[in-house]
Amino acid sequence: MQSNLVTARNPQEIATATDAFARKALAEGRINQTKYREIMDQSNRILSAVDDSRIAKEEINRMIPRVLGYGTLGALGIYGIRSMEK
């Protein structure tokens, strides 16, 4: 997801990258339906509240580890996200 977010140029591409990540994680059993819905809901809130795509990408990158339960150990969430991309 990290690489897809980096290359996303507009809110639609950001939403597509987030959705692809969440769908893949759900299909692989890494998250349940509740976590999937939470990722999508929070992503939609971020995208509707933020006009700058760069800021939206940063917010989504911070939100996903939080939703996955990594809290203050967000760095671990990023490593988990990167491993799911492979």
Protein backbone atom coordinates (compact mmCIF):
# COMPACT_ATOMS: atom_id res chain seq x y z
CA MET A 1 0.00 0.00 0.00
CA GLN A 2 2.84 2.36 0.80
CA SER A 3 4.02 2.41 -2.82
CA ASN A 4 0.46 2.81 -4.14
CA LEU A 5 -0.14 5.77 -1.85
CA VAL A 6 3.14 7.38 -2.86
CA THR A 7 2.15 7.32 -6.53
CA ALA A 8 -1.49 8.35 -5.95
CA ARG A 9 -2.07 11.80 -7.37
CA ASN A 10 -5.64 12.55 -6.35
CA PRO A 11 -8.30 11.52 -3.82
CA GLN A 12 -9.73 8.85 -6.14
CA GLU A 13 -6.33 7.13 -6.48
CA ILE A 14 -5.79 7.37 -2.72
CA ALA A 15 -9.20 5.77 -2.12
CA THR A 16 -8.42 3.03 -4.65
CA ALA A 17 -5.07 2.22 -2.97
CA THR A 18 -6.67 2.11 0.47
CA ASP A 19 -9.50 -0.10 -0.75
CA ALA A 20 -7.09 -2.48 -2.49
CA PHE A 21 -5.04 -2.81 0.70
CA ALA A 22 -8.10 -3.42 2.87
CA ARG A 23 -9.61 -5.96 0.45
CA LYS A 24 -6.33 -7.88 0.23
CA ALA A 25 -5.92 -7.92 4.02
CA LEU A 26 -9.52 -9.14 4.40
CA ALA A 27 -9.12 -11.84 1.75
CA GLU A 28 -5.91 -13.08 3.39
CA GLY A 29 -7.59 -13.21 6.80
CA ARG A 30 -5.28 -10.56 8.27
CA ILE A 31 -8.28 -8.43 9.24
CA ASN A 32 -11.94 -9.18 9.84
CA GLN A 33 -14.98 -7.50 8.32
CA THR A 34 -15.20 -5.04 11.23
CA LYS A 35 -11.61 -3.84 10.72
CA TYR A 36 -12.18 -3.66 6.95
CA ARG A 37 -15.24 -1.45 7.48
CA GLU A 38 -13.34 0.72 9.97
CA ILE A 39 -10.45 1.26 7.54
CA MET A 40 -12.86 2.21 4.77
CA ASP A 41 -14.96 4.51 6.99
CA GLN A 42 -11.95 6.35 8.38
CA SER A 43 -10.37 6.60 4.93
CA ASN A 44 -13.56 8.17 3.58
CA ARG A 45 -13.67 10.64 6.49
CA ILE A 46 -10.05 11.64 5.90
CA LEU A 47 -10.57 12.09 2.17
CA SER A 48 -13.69 14.19 2.65
CA ALA A 49 -12.06 16.39 5.32
CA VAL A 50 -8.69 17.03 3.70
CA ASP A 51 -8.22 18.90 0.43
CA ASP A 52 -4.48 18.30 0.06
CA SER A 53 -3.68 14.82 -1.31
CA ARG A 54 -0.29 14.79 0.41
CA ILE A 55 -1.87 15.38 3.81
CA ALA A 56 -4.57 12.77 3.10
CA LYS A 57 -1.90 10.18 2.30
CA GLU A 58 -0.04 10.97 5.52
CA GLU A 59 -3.24 10.71 7.56
CA ILE A 60 -4.16 7.36 6.00
CA ASN A 61 -0.65 6.03 6.62
CA ARG A 62 -1.07 6.97 10.30
CA MET A 63 -4.65 5.68 10.53
CA ILE A 64 -4.14 2.14 9.26
CA PRO A 65 -1.69 0.96 11.96
CA ARG A 66 -4.00 2.52 14.57
CA VAL A 67 -7.02 0.63 13.20
CA LEU A 68 -4.99 -2.58 13.07
CA GLY A 69 -4.30 -2.17 16.77
CA TYR A 70 -0.69 -1.06 16.76
CA GLY A 71 -1.37 2.20 18.65
CA THR A 72 1.86 3.81 19.75
CA LEU A 73 3.80 1.03 18.06
CA GLY A 74 2.79 2.38 14.66
CA ALA A 75 6.16 1.50 13.21
CA LEU A 76 5.27 -2.16 13.57
CA GLY A 77 2.08 -1.48 11.63
CA ILE A 78 4.06 -0.03 8.76
CA TYR A 79 6.25 -3.13 8.63
CA GLY A 80 3.11 -5.28 8.62
CA ILE A 81 1.57 -3.22 5.84
CA ARG A 82 4.72 -3.50 3.76
CA SER A 83 4.84 -7.27 4.23
CA MET A 84 1.23 -7.56 3.06
CA GLU A 85 2.13 -5.73 -0.15
CA LYS A 86 4.45 -8.52 -1.24
